[in-house]
Structures are given as structure tokens and as C-alpha cells.
């Protein structure tokens, strides 16, 4: 029986040939400074989450406009620029967001500052 050698190299021989060689860094080169913390995102989607939650539960809200007028109803839908307020016994309104000072949940809890009358 004749012992023959394969012409094809083994896998370990190939890995040794193409293994990356360690790069030597000169002592005077300084590594780059660590990266700063990334800036927070411009859009957190908190407003969208709030509107969707109020729409799904049909929560009565009070909308305070820039001139101090208070409108009451439920938010039926919203988009980037406005909300649709469905009111009881009055016409529904389309209100531009830039005209809204703030809005809050309407009801006994809101009237008492959310403490339910307890101190």
C-alpha cells in the first residue's frame, strides 16, 4: 500500500495563510476619544400615545384655548395639526393644535386635582 499525499491543503493551513496580521500601533498615536452620548430623538411619540389612549377609552377632556375659553367633549381623531372634539348637545369642533394652551381629563378627579377629594 502506497501512502499518498493530498494536493489539497487542509482547512487549518488555509486559515493560517489568510489570517489577518496584527497591526502595530505607533506609541505616539492616541486612540480616538470615546463617543459622546447620542442626542435624544426629536419625536418621542408621547403626544400620539396620549391621544390614542383618550380616543380608545372615550375619556371626557377639557380643552383650554389660548384665549382662556374651555371646551369640553371627547377626542374623536387627531392629526399633525388639529384634533376633532366631539361635544354633547353642541356642534363638533375641529381645533388647531396651535390654538390649544393645554387639555386635561374632565371630571370629578380633574376638578379636585386628581386626589379624589382626599388630602
C-alpha atoms as a PDB file:
ATOM      1  CA  UNK A   1       0.000   0.000   0.000  1.00  0.00           C
ATOM      2  CA  UNK A   2       1.320   3.360  -1.046  1.00  0.00           C
ATOM      3  CA  UNK A   3       0.933   6.379   1.212  1.00  0.00           C
ATOM      4  CA  UNK A   4      -0.161   9.284  -0.985  1.00  0.00           C
ATOM      5  CA  UNK A   5      -0.224  12.934  -0.002  1.00  0.00           C
ATOM      6  CA  UNK A   6      -3.210  15.039  -0.950  1.00  0.00           C
ATOM      7  CA  UNK A   7      -2.584  18.049  -3.170  1.00  0.00           C
ATOM      8  CA  UNK A   8      -5.386  19.968  -1.486  1.00  0.00           C
ATOM      9  CA  UNK A   9      -4.327  21.794   1.702  1.00  0.00           C
ATOM     10  CA  UNK A  10      -6.167  21.279   4.967  1.00  0.00           C
ATOM     11  CA  UNK A  11      -8.510  23.902   6.381  1.00  0.00           C
ATOM     12  CA  UNK A  12      -6.096  24.903   9.131  1.00  0.00           C
ATOM     13  CA  UNK A  13      -3.339  25.583   6.574  1.00  0.00           C
ATOM     14  CA  UNK A  14      -5.672  27.871   4.615  1.00  0.00           C
ATOM     15  CA  UNK A  15      -6.705  29.762   7.756  1.00  0.00           C
ATOM     16  CA  UNK A  16      -3.078  30.306   8.683  1.00  0.00           C
ATOM     17  CA  UNK A  17      -2.328  31.732   5.224  1.00  0.00           C
ATOM     18  CA  UNK A  18      -5.190  34.238   5.224  1.00  0.00           C
ATOM     19  CA  UNK A  19      -5.269  35.118   8.933  1.00  0.00           C
ATOM     20  CA  UNK A  20      -5.109  38.891   9.496  1.00  0.00           C
ATOM     21  CA  UNK A  21      -1.840  40.008  10.854  1.00  0.00           C
ATOM     22  CA  UNK A  22      -1.910  42.152  13.995  1.00  0.00           C
ATOM     23  CA  UNK A  23      -1.379  45.813  13.224  1.00  0.00           C
ATOM     24  CA  UNK A  24       1.183  47.505  15.369  1.00  0.00           C
ATOM     25  CA  UNK A  25       0.255  50.982  16.550  1.00  0.00           C
ATOM     26  CA  UNK A  26       2.969  53.552  16.960  1.00  0.00           C
ATOM     27  CA  UNK A  27       3.317  54.740  20.577  1.00  0.00           C
ATOM     28  CA  UNK A  28       2.712  58.413  19.616  1.00  0.00           C
ATOM     29  CA  UNK A  29      -0.718  57.660  18.093  1.00  0.00           C
ATOM     30  CA  UNK A  30      -3.571  58.264  20.507  1.00  0.00           C
ATOM     31  CA  UNK A  31      -6.819  56.354  20.149  1.00  0.00           C
ATOM     32  CA  UNK A  32      -9.876  58.481  19.314  1.00  0.00           C
ATOM     33  CA  UNK A  33     -11.821  59.856  22.294  1.00  0.00           C
ATOM     34  CA  UNK A  34     -14.907  57.920  23.379  1.00  0.00           C
ATOM     35  CA  UNK A  35     -18.098  58.843  21.546  1.00  0.00           C
ATOM     36  CA  UNK A  36     -20.482  61.253  23.184  1.00  0.00           C
ATOM     37  CA  UNK A  37     -23.955  60.180  24.209  1.00  0.00           C
ATOM     38  CA  UNK A  38     -26.277  60.448  21.196  1.00  0.00           C
ATOM     39  CA  UNK A  39     -28.797  63.275  21.127  1.00  0.00           C
ATOM     40  CA  UNK A  40     -32.330  62.362  22.179  1.00  0.00           C
ATOM     41  CA  UNK A  41     -34.812  61.775  19.373  1.00  0.00           C
ATOM     42  CA  UNK A  42     -36.798  64.772  18.156  1.00  0.00           C
ATOM     43  CA  UNK A  43     -40.049  62.813  18.177  1.00  0.00           C
ATOM     44  CA  UNK A  44     -40.949  60.764  21.273  1.00  0.00           C
ATOM     45  CA  UNK A  45     -44.496  59.940  20.127  1.00  0.00           C
ATOM     46  CA  UNK A  46     -45.811  60.681  23.648  1.00  0.00           C
ATOM     47  CA  UNK A  47     -48.451  63.038  22.254  1.00  0.00           C
ATOM     48  CA  UNK A  48     -49.672  60.373  19.818  1.00  0.00           C
ATOM     49  CA  UNK A  49     -49.812  57.785  22.602  1.00  0.00           C
ATOM     50  CA  UNK A  50     -51.844  60.180  24.797  1.00  0.00           C
ATOM     51  CA  UNK A  51     -54.385  60.965  22.064  1.00  0.00           C
ATOM     52  CA  UNK A  52     -54.845  57.306  21.111  1.00  0.00           C
ATOM     53  CA  UNK A  53     -55.381  56.346  24.743  1.00  0.00           C
ATOM     54  CA  UNK A  54     -58.012  59.084  25.230  1.00  0.00           C
ATOM     55  CA  UNK A  55     -59.755  58.166  21.954  1.00  0.00           C
ATOM     56  CA  UNK A  56     -59.953  54.457  22.757  1.00  0.00           C
ATOM     57  CA  UNK A  57     -61.358  54.988  26.244  1.00  0.00           C
ATOM     58  CA  UNK A  58     -63.564  57.918  25.128  1.00  0.00           C
ATOM     59  CA  UNK A  59     -62.336  59.944  28.061  1.00  0.00           C
ATOM     60  CA  UNK A  60     -64.081  63.304  28.519  1.00  0.00           C
ATOM     61  CA  UNK A  61     -61.489  66.048  28.170  1.00  0.00           C
ATOM     62  CA  UNK A  62     -61.456  69.789  28.714  1.00  0.00           C
ATOM     63  CA  UNK A  63     -59.528  71.788  26.119  1.00  0.00           C
ATOM     64  CA  UNK A  64     -58.281  75.200  27.237  1.00  0.00           C
ATOM     65  CA  UNK A  65     -57.658  77.531  24.302  1.00  0.00           C
ATOM     66  CA  UNK A  66     -55.055  80.295  24.169  1.00  0.00           C
ATOM     67  CA  UNK A  67     -57.714  82.928  24.926  1.00  0.00           C
ATOM     68  CA  UNK A  68     -58.843  81.049  28.079  1.00  0.00           C
ATOM     69  CA  UNK A  69     -62.033  79.526  26.648  1.00  0.00           C
ATOM     70  CA  UNK A  70     -62.701  75.967  27.847  1.00  0.00           C
ATOM     71  CA  UNK A  71     -64.284  73.403  25.513  1.00  0.00           C
ATOM     72  CA  UNK A  72     -65.485  70.014  26.752  1.00  0.00           C
ATOM     73  CA  UNK A  73     -66.005  66.779  24.855  1.00  0.00           C
ATOM     74  CA  UNK A  74     -64.118  63.681  23.685  1.00  0.00           C
ATOM     75  CA  UNK A  75     -61.321  63.439  21.157  1.00  0.00           C
ATOM     76  CA  UNK A  76     -62.645  61.592  18.101  1.00  0.00           C
ATOM     77  CA  UNK A  77     -59.491  61.808  15.956  1.00  0.00           C
ATOM     78  CA  UNK A  78     -56.306  63.833  15.560  1.00  0.00           C
ATOM     79  CA  UNK A  79     -53.573  64.525  13.068  1.00  0.00           C
ATOM     80  CA  UNK A  80     -50.385  66.566  12.973  1.00  0.00           C
ATOM     81  CA  UNK A  81     -52.130  69.952  13.049  1.00  0.00           C
ATOM     82  CA  UNK A  82     -55.552  69.542  14.672  1.00  0.00           C
ATOM     83  CA  UNK A  83     -57.944  67.470  16.777  1.00  0.00           C
ATOM     84  CA  UNK A  84     -61.657  66.786  16.365  1.00  0.00           C
ATOM     85  CA  UNK A  85     -63.582  67.352  19.581  1.00  0.00           C
ATOM     86  CA  UNK A  86     -66.965  65.592  19.765  1.00  0.00           C
ATOM     87  CA  UNK A  87     -69.261  67.515  22.102  1.00  0.00           C
ATOM     88  CA  UNK A  88     -72.552  66.581  23.718  1.00  0.00           C
ATOM     89  CA  UNK A  89     -75.501  68.816  22.803  1.00  0.00           C
ATOM     90  CA  UNK A  90     -73.257  71.143  20.757  1.00  0.00           C
ATOM     91  CA  UNK A  91     -71.657  71.003  17.325  1.00  0.00           C
ATOM     92  CA  UNK A  92     -68.429  69.043  16.962  1.00  0.00           C
ATOM     93  CA  UNK A  93     -65.291  71.140  16.538  1.00  0.00           C
ATOM     94  CA  UNK A  94     -62.072  70.890  14.577  1.00  0.00           C
ATOM     95  CA  UNK A  95     -59.454  72.653  16.711  1.00  0.00           C
ATOM     96  CA  UNK A  96     -55.977  73.596  15.503  1.00  0.00           C
ATOM     97  CA  UNK A  97     -53.302  72.434  17.939  1.00  0.00           C
ATOM     98  CA  UNK A  98     -51.526  75.801  17.844  1.00  0.00           C
ATOM     99  CA  UNK A  99     -54.709  77.342  19.376  1.00  0.00           C
ATOM    100  CA  UNK A 100     -54.683  74.925  22.352  1.00  0.00           C
ATOM    101  CA  UNK A 101     -52.968  76.056  25.538  1.00  0.00           C
ATOM    102  CA  UNK A 102     -53.464  72.689  27.232  1.00  0.00           C
ATOM    103  CA  UNK A 103     -56.000  69.910  27.732  1.00  0.00           C
ATOM    104  CA  UNK A 104     -56.814  67.654  30.641  1.00  0.00           C
ATOM    105  CA  UNK A 105     -59.166  64.834  31.593  1.00  0.00           C
ATOM    106  CA  UNK A 106     -62.521  66.298  32.551  1.00  0.00           C
ATOM    107  CA  UNK A 107     -64.438  65.006  35.554  1.00  0.00           C
ATOM    108  CA  UNK A 108     -64.504  64.933  39.333  1.00  0.00           C
ATOM    109  CA  UNK A 109     -60.913  63.719  39.678  1.00  0.00           C
ATOM    110  CA  UNK A 110     -59.615  66.542  37.487  1.00  0.00           C
ATOM    111  CA  UNK A 111     -61.696  69.138  39.349  1.00  0.00           C
ATOM    112  CA  UNK A 112     -60.148  68.036  42.653  1.00  0.00           C
ATOM    113  CA  UNK A 113     -56.606  67.977  41.306  1.00  0.00           C
ATOM    114  CA  UNK A 114     -56.617  64.207  40.851  1.00  0.00           C
ATOM    115  CA  UNK A 115     -56.684  63.472  44.588  1.00  0.00           C
ATOM    116  CA  UNK A 116     -60.341  62.391  44.644  1.00  0.00           C
ATOM    117  CA  UNK A 117     -61.056  64.903  47.397  1.00  0.00           C
ATOM    118  CA  UNK A 118     -58.573  63.330  49.835  1.00  0.00           C
ATOM    119  CA  UNK A 119     -55.821  65.339  51.425  1.00  0.00           C
END
